[in-house]
Amino acid sequence: MNGALRASFVDLAVSAQGYGDEPAFDHRAQMTRTVVVKPHNGKELLEILAAFTRTHRAVRQVRIFSHAYPRGVIMTDMSGFCHNRTGNDTSLAAYVADLESAVAEGRIAFAPNCTVSLFGCNLTSEGFALKLSQAVSGTVIAATAGVCPEIAGGRETGVFIASTRWQKFVRGRLAVPNLGRRYRAW
């Protein structure tokens, strides 16, 4: 692709694969009307971000639809994208520190004021969202506990409801401790 024609930014919707509910995650990602990617593990997610950096220069927005636990995003079991290692992780897992290194080396780039929205459960309690906001040098929105889609008329509305609240992290600090219980994905 000619560099003069290359787009400056890309918006991505991530449908986490490998742990169940993939059709629901696929649907939600498609509803964002952005580029949909379907990584099966943390290393693949970082490779995808690097590929889009090479073709678009920077990632502006990422919405991740997944199962999650406090330490990170679950993809294929014990192969997700997390903030810390455990003895059970596979060699396909990736970590926020790996993302930080890729950003520092220029392999992955995020646009100024980028936003990462996490639509999995419990991603604030162990600091995953906070650390991720520092790594991308931008904004991360995540829920403090369980998350479920709002259903009206037999369809998802695009709003996700947290059992407690949504929080906003900016560049490694908690910026808004309570965004309320509702957050729109599309």
C-alpha atoms as a PDB file:
ATOM      1  CA  MET A   1       0.000   0.000   0.000  1.00  0.00           C
ATOM      2  CA  ASN A   2       1.304   3.476  -0.875  1.00  0.00           C
ATOM      3  CA  GLY A   3       2.259   5.370   2.302  1.00  0.00           C
ATOM      4  CA  ALA A   4       0.492   8.512   1.048  1.00  0.00           C
ATOM      5  CA  LEU A   5      -2.777   6.577   0.863  1.00  0.00           C
ATOM      6  CA  ARG A   6      -2.379   4.853   4.212  1.00  0.00           C
ATOM      7  CA  ALA A   7      -5.007   5.738   6.800  1.00  0.00           C
ATOM      8  CA  SER A   8      -3.804   7.404   9.992  1.00  0.00           C
ATOM      9  CA  PHE A   9      -5.877   5.466  12.505  1.00  0.00           C
ATOM     10  CA  VAL A  10      -7.880   2.274  12.831  1.00  0.00           C
ATOM     11  CA  ASP A  11     -10.743   1.389  15.172  1.00  0.00           C
ATOM     12  CA  LEU A  12     -10.964  -2.271  16.170  1.00  0.00           C
ATOM     13  CA  ALA A  13     -13.513  -4.564  17.774  1.00  0.00           C
ATOM     14  CA  VAL A  14     -11.997  -7.663  19.333  1.00  0.00           C
ATOM     15  CA  SER A  15     -14.088 -10.840  19.572  1.00  0.00           C
ATOM     16  CA  ALA A  16     -12.153 -13.074  21.970  1.00  0.00           C
ATOM     17  CA  GLN A  17     -12.091 -16.660  20.746  1.00  0.00           C
ATOM     18  CA  GLY A  18     -11.464 -19.953  22.486  1.00  0.00           C
ATOM     19  CA  TYR A  19     -13.350 -19.904  25.806  1.00  0.00           C
ATOM     20  CA  GLY A  20     -16.987 -19.996  24.733  1.00  0.00           C
ATOM     21  CA  ASP A  21     -19.718 -17.569  23.633  1.00  0.00           C
ATOM     22  CA  GLU A  22     -17.843 -16.708  20.424  1.00  0.00           C
ATOM     23  CA  PRO A  23     -21.072 -16.174  18.399  1.00  0.00           C
ATOM     24  CA  ALA A  24     -22.223 -13.553  20.925  1.00  0.00           C
ATOM     25  CA  PHE A  25     -18.813 -11.837  20.922  1.00  0.00           C
ATOM     26  CA  ASP A  26     -18.737 -11.944  17.093  1.00  0.00           C
ATOM     27  CA  HIS A  27     -22.190 -10.323  16.923  1.00  0.00           C
ATOM     28  CA  ARG A  28     -21.245  -7.581  19.362  1.00  0.00           C
ATOM     29  CA  ALA A  29     -18.003  -6.835  17.545  1.00  0.00           C
ATOM     30  CA  GLN A  30     -19.834  -6.634  14.209  1.00  0.00           C
ATOM     31  CA  MET A  31     -22.407  -4.246  15.686  1.00  0.00           C
ATOM     32  CA  THR A  32     -19.664  -1.667  16.332  1.00  0.00           C
ATOM     33  CA  ARG A  33     -19.286  -1.250  12.547  1.00  0.00           C
ATOM     34  CA  THR A  34     -15.507  -1.184  12.902  1.00  0.00           C
ATOM     35  CA  VAL A  35     -12.800  -3.643  11.876  1.00  0.00           C
ATOM     36  CA  VAL A  36     -13.420  -6.982  13.627  1.00  0.00           C
ATOM     37  CA  VAL A  37     -10.531  -9.189  14.736  1.00  0.00           C
ATOM     38  CA  LYS A  38     -10.777 -12.602  16.403  1.00  0.00           C
ATOM     39  CA  PRO A  39      -7.645 -13.518  18.361  1.00  0.00           C
ATOM     40  CA  HIS A  40      -7.426 -16.883  20.135  1.00  0.00           C
ATOM     41  CA  ASN A  41      -4.648 -15.889  22.527  1.00  0.00           C
ATOM     42  CA  GLY A  42      -2.748 -12.932  23.925  1.00  0.00           C
ATOM     43  CA  LYS A  43       0.233 -13.246  21.587  1.00  0.00           C
ATOM     44  CA  GLU A  44      -2.088 -13.261  18.586  1.00  0.00           C
ATOM     45  CA  LEU A  45      -3.802 -10.105  19.905  1.00  0.00           C
ATOM     46  CA  LEU A  46      -0.450  -8.301  20.096  1.00  0.00           C
ATOM     47  CA  GLU A  47       0.479  -9.521  16.595  1.00  0.00           C
ATOM     48  CA  ILE A  48      -2.811  -8.141  15.283  1.00  0.00           C
ATOM     49  CA  LEU A  49      -2.177  -4.752  16.925  1.00  0.00           C
ATOM     50  CA  ALA A  50       1.315  -4.693  15.416  1.00  0.00           C
ATOM     51  CA  ALA A  51      -0.056  -5.532  11.945  1.00  0.00           C
ATOM     52  CA  PHE A  52      -2.575  -2.695  12.130  1.00  0.00           C
ATOM     53  CA  THR A  53       0.153  -0.331  13.309  1.00  0.00           C
ATOM     54  CA  ARG A  54       2.170  -1.204  10.203  1.00  0.00           C
ATOM     55  CA  THR A  55      -0.805  -0.587   7.873  1.00  0.00           C
ATOM     56  CA  HIS A  56      -2.589   2.282   9.645  1.00  0.00           C
ATOM     57  CA  ARG A  57       0.123   3.921  11.796  1.00  0.00           C
ATOM     58  CA  ALA A  58      -1.919   3.887  15.029  1.00  0.00           C
ATOM     59  CA  VAL A  59      -4.836   2.243  16.799  1.00  0.00           C
ATOM     60  CA  ARG A  60      -7.414   4.811  17.915  1.00  0.00           C
ATOM     61  CA  GLN A  61     -10.110   2.707  19.545  1.00  0.00           C
ATOM     62  CA  VAL A  62     -10.361  -0.889  20.717  1.00  0.00           C
ATOM     63  CA  ARG A  63     -13.503  -2.549  22.067  1.00  0.00           C
ATOM     64  CA  ILE A  64     -12.869  -5.993  23.539  1.00  0.00           C
ATOM     65  CA  PHE A  65     -15.773  -8.424  23.898  1.00  0.00           C
ATOM     66  CA  SER A  66     -14.669 -11.354  26.038  1.00  0.00           C
ATOM     67  CA  HIS A  67     -14.894 -13.398  29.141  1.00  0.00           C
ATOM     68  CA  ALA A  68     -12.534 -12.039  31.748  1.00  0.00           C
ATOM     69  CA  TYR A  69     -11.186 -12.429  35.217  1.00  0.00           C
ATOM     70  CA  PRO A  70      -9.544  -9.804  37.401  1.00  0.00           C
ATOM     71  CA  ARG A  71      -6.073 -10.371  35.938  1.00  0.00           C
ATOM     72  CA  GLY A  72      -7.163  -9.958  32.312  1.00  0.00           C
ATOM     73  CA  VAL A  73      -8.970 -11.013  29.164  1.00  0.00           C
ATOM     74  CA  ILE A  74      -9.669 -14.725  28.709  1.00  0.00           C
ATOM     75  CA  MET A  75      -9.254 -16.159  25.240  1.00  0.00           C
ATOM     76  CA  THR A  76      -8.190 -19.796  24.939  1.00  0.00           C
ATOM     77  CA  ASP A  77      -7.854 -20.976  28.549  1.00  0.00           C
ATOM     78  CA  MET A  78      -4.657 -19.754  30.228  1.00  0.00           C
ATOM     79  CA  SER A  79      -3.549 -18.123  26.957  1.00  0.00           C
ATOM     80  CA  GLY A  80      -5.180 -14.718  27.274  1.00  0.00           C
ATOM     81  CA  PHE A  81      -3.980 -11.151  27.706  1.00  0.00           C
ATOM     82  CA  CYS A  82      -3.248 -10.399  31.365  1.00  0.00           C
ATOM     83  CA  HIS A  83      -1.349  -8.090  33.689  1.00  0.00           C
ATOM     84  CA  ASN A  84       0.536 -10.843  35.534  1.00  0.00           C
ATOM     85  CA  ARG A  85       1.836 -14.354  34.945  1.00  0.00           C
ATOM     86  CA  THR A  86       0.735 -17.504  36.716  1.00  0.00           C
ATOM     87  CA  GLY A  87       2.313 -20.923  36.684  1.00  0.00           C
ATOM     88  CA  ASN A  88      -0.596 -22.247  34.617  1.00  0.00           C
ATOM     89  CA  ASP A  89      -0.271 -19.829  31.667  1.00  0.00           C
ATOM     90  CA  THR A  90       0.630 -21.284  28.297  1.00  0.00           C
ATOM     91  CA  SER A  91       3.353 -19.940  26.040  1.00  0.00           C
ATOM     92  CA  LEU A  92       0.620 -18.220  23.997  1.00  0.00           C
ATOM     93  CA  ALA A  93      -0.385 -15.871  26.818  1.00  0.00           C
ATOM     94  CA  ALA A  94       0.693 -12.219  26.596  1.00  0.00           C
ATOM     95  CA  TYR A  95       0.954  -9.549  29.240  1.00  0.00           C
ATOM     96  CA  VAL A  96       0.574  -5.810  29.624  1.00  0.00           C
ATOM     97  CA  ALA A  97       4.370  -5.657  29.998  1.00  0.00           C
ATOM     98  CA  ASP A  98       4.684  -7.239  26.517  1.00  0.00           C
ATOM     99  CA  LEU A  99       2.401  -4.539  25.140  1.00  0.00           C
ATOM    100  CA  GLU A 100       4.433  -1.838  26.883  1.00  0.00           C
ATOM    101  CA  SER A 101       7.620  -3.199  25.309  1.00  0.00           C
ATOM    102  CA  ALA A 102       6.030  -3.320  21.841  1.00  0.00           C
ATOM    103  CA  VAL A 103       4.853   0.289  22.232  1.00  0.00           C
ATOM    104  CA  ALA A 104       8.286   1.438  23.445  1.00  0.00           C
ATOM    105  CA  GLU A 105       9.926  -0.292  20.456  1.00  0.00           C
ATOM    106  CA  GLY A 106       7.410   1.254  18.028  1.00  0.00           C
ATOM    107  CA  ARG A 107       5.942  -2.095  16.907  1.00  0.00           C
ATOM    108  CA  ILE A 108       2.520  -1.120  18.275  1.00  0.00           C
ATOM    109  CA  ALA A 109       1.249   2.461  18.276  1.00  0.00           C
ATOM    110  CA  PHE A 110      -1.848   3.989  19.791  1.00  0.00           C
ATOM    111  CA  ALA A 111      -3.297   7.314  18.716  1.00  0.00           C
ATOM    112  CA  PRO A 112      -3.195  10.235  21.128  1.00  0.00           C
ATOM    113  CA  ASN A 113      -6.271  10.019  23.347  1.00  0.00           C
ATOM    114  CA  CYS A 114      -6.964   6.408  22.328  1.00  0.00           C
ATOM    115  CA  THR A 115      -9.732   4.507  24.104  1.00  0.00           C
ATOM    116  CA  VAL A 116      -9.862   0.842  25.033  1.00  0.00           C
ATOM    117  CA  SER A 117     -13.278  -0.363  26.224  1.00  0.00           C
ATOM    118  CA  LEU A 118     -13.368  -3.725  28.005  1.00  0.00           C
ATOM    119  CA  PHE A 119     -16.700  -5.580  27.951  1.00  0.00           C
ATOM    120  CA  GLY A 120     -15.645  -8.462  30.203  1.00  0.00           C
ATOM    121  CA  CYS A 121     -16.275  -8.874  33.933  1.00  0.00           C
ATOM    122  CA  ASN A 122     -14.087  -7.789  36.854  1.00  0.00           C
ATOM    123  CA  LEU A 123     -11.270  -6.040  34.980  1.00  0.00           C
ATOM    124  CA  THR A 124     -10.566  -3.317  37.536  1.00  0.00           C
ATOM    125  CA  SER A 125     -10.139  -5.159  40.839  1.00  0.00           C
ATOM    126  CA  GLU A 126      -6.542  -6.363  40.331  1.00  0.00           C
ATOM    127  CA  GLY A 127      -5.367  -3.339  38.370  1.00  0.00           C
ATOM    128  CA  PHE A 128      -5.577  -4.722  34.815  1.00  0.00           C
ATOM    129  CA  ALA A 129      -7.491  -1.692  33.454  1.00  0.00           C
ATOM    130  CA  LEU A 130      -5.215   0.763  35.267  1.00  0.00           C
ATOM    131  CA  LYS A 131      -2.047  -0.887  33.953  1.00  0.00           C
ATOM    132  CA  LEU A 132      -3.481  -1.164  30.449  1.00  0.00           C
ATOM    133  CA  SER A 133      -4.297   2.573  30.425  1.00  0.00           C
ATOM    134  CA  GLN A 134      -0.678   3.299  31.275  1.00  0.00           C
ATOM    135  CA  ALA A 135       0.603   0.931  28.572  1.00  0.00           C
ATOM    136  CA  VAL A 136      -1.513   2.531  25.810  1.00  0.00           C
ATOM    137  CA  SER A 137      -1.007   6.022  27.238  1.00  0.00           C
ATOM    138  CA  GLY A 138      -4.726   6.600  26.874  1.00  0.00           C
ATOM    139  CA  THR A 139      -8.149   5.829  28.282  1.00  0.00           C
ATOM    140  CA  VAL A 140      -9.465   2.459  29.434  1.00  0.00           C
ATOM    141  CA  ILE A 141     -13.092   1.897  30.458  1.00  0.00           C
ATOM    142  CA  ALA A 142     -13.903  -1.249  32.472  1.00  0.00           C
ATOM    143  CA  ALA A 143     -16.407  -2.604  34.980  1.00  0.00           C
ATOM    144  CA  THR A 144     -15.624  -3.325  38.618  1.00  0.00           C
ATOM    145  CA  ALA A 145     -17.656  -6.571  38.656  1.00  0.00           C
ATOM    146  CA  GLY A 146     -20.004  -8.527  36.405  1.00  0.00           C
ATOM    147  CA  VAL A 147     -21.240  -7.211  33.043  1.00  0.00           C
ATOM    148  CA  CYS A 148     -24.205  -8.203  30.907  1.00  0.00           C
ATOM    149  CA  PRO A 149     -25.809  -6.805  27.761  1.00  0.00           C
ATOM    150  CA  GLU A 150     -29.088  -4.933  27.997  1.00  0.00           C
ATOM    151  CA  ILE A 151     -31.875  -6.732  26.112  1.00  0.00           C
ATOM    152  CA  ALA A 152     -34.972  -4.932  24.800  1.00  0.00           C
ATOM    153  CA  GLY A 153     -37.457  -6.332  22.308  1.00  0.00           C
ATOM    154  CA  GLY A 154     -35.481  -9.571  22.194  1.00  0.00           C
ATOM    155  CA  ARG A 155     -32.289  -7.827  21.006  1.00  0.00           C
ATOM    156  CA  GLU A 156     -29.162  -6.406  22.541  1.00  0.00           C
ATOM    157  CA  THR A 157     -29.374  -2.613  22.667  1.00  0.00           C
ATOM    158  CA  GLY A 158     -25.627  -1.959  22.619  1.00  0.00           C
ATOM    159  CA  VAL A 159     -25.623  -0.934  26.277  1.00  0.00           C
ATOM    160  CA  PHE A 160     -23.784  -3.077  28.805  1.00  0.00           C
ATOM    161  CA  ILE A 161     -24.883  -3.055  32.425  1.00  0.00           C
ATOM    162  CA  ALA A 162     -22.390  -3.486  35.239  1.00  0.00           C
ATOM    163  CA  SER A 163     -23.578  -5.110  38.456  1.00  0.00           C
ATOM    164  CA  THR A 164     -21.717  -2.344  40.305  1.00  0.00           C
ATOM    165  CA  ARG A 165     -20.203   0.407  38.129  1.00  0.00           C
ATOM    166  CA  TRP A 166     -17.978   1.312  35.191  1.00  0.00           C
ATOM    167  CA  GLN A 167     -14.705   3.139  35.807  1.00  0.00           C
ATOM    168  CA  LYS A 168     -12.471   5.282  33.621  1.00  0.00           C
ATOM    169  CA  PHE A 169      -8.673   5.107  33.766  1.00  0.00           C
ATOM    170  CA  VAL A 170      -6.455   7.607  31.975  1.00  0.00           C
ATOM    171  CA  ARG A 171      -2.712   7.153  31.510  1.00  0.00           C
ATOM    172  CA  GLY A 172      -2.226   4.972  34.574  1.00  0.00           C
ATOM    173  CA  ARG A 173      -4.583   6.624  37.017  1.00  0.00           C
ATOM    174  CA  LEU A 174      -8.210   6.300  38.038  1.00  0.00           C
ATOM    175  CA  ALA A 175      -9.833   9.352  36.438  1.00  0.00           C
ATOM    176  CA  VAL A 176     -13.553   8.670  37.053  1.00  0.00           C
ATOM    177  CA  PRO A 177     -14.343   6.167  39.817  1.00  0.00           C
ATOM    178  CA  ASN A 178     -18.025   5.877  38.920  1.00  0.00           C
ATOM    179  CA  LEU A 179     -19.340   6.237  35.357  1.00  0.00           C
ATOM    180  CA  GLY A 180     -22.610   4.627  36.444  1.00  0.00           C
ATOM    181  CA  ARG A 181     -23.912   1.155  35.709  1.00  0.00           C
ATOM    182  CA  ARG A 182     -24.553   1.589  31.957  1.00  0.00           C
ATOM    183  CA  TYR A 183     -21.973   1.926  29.199  1.00  0.00           C
ATOM    184  CA  ARG A 184     -22.653   1.894  25.456  1.00  0.00           C
ATOM    185  CA  ALA A 185     -20.620  -0.372  23.175  1.00  0.00           C
ATOM    186  CA  TRP A 186     -22.309   0.674  19.898  1.00  0.00           C
END
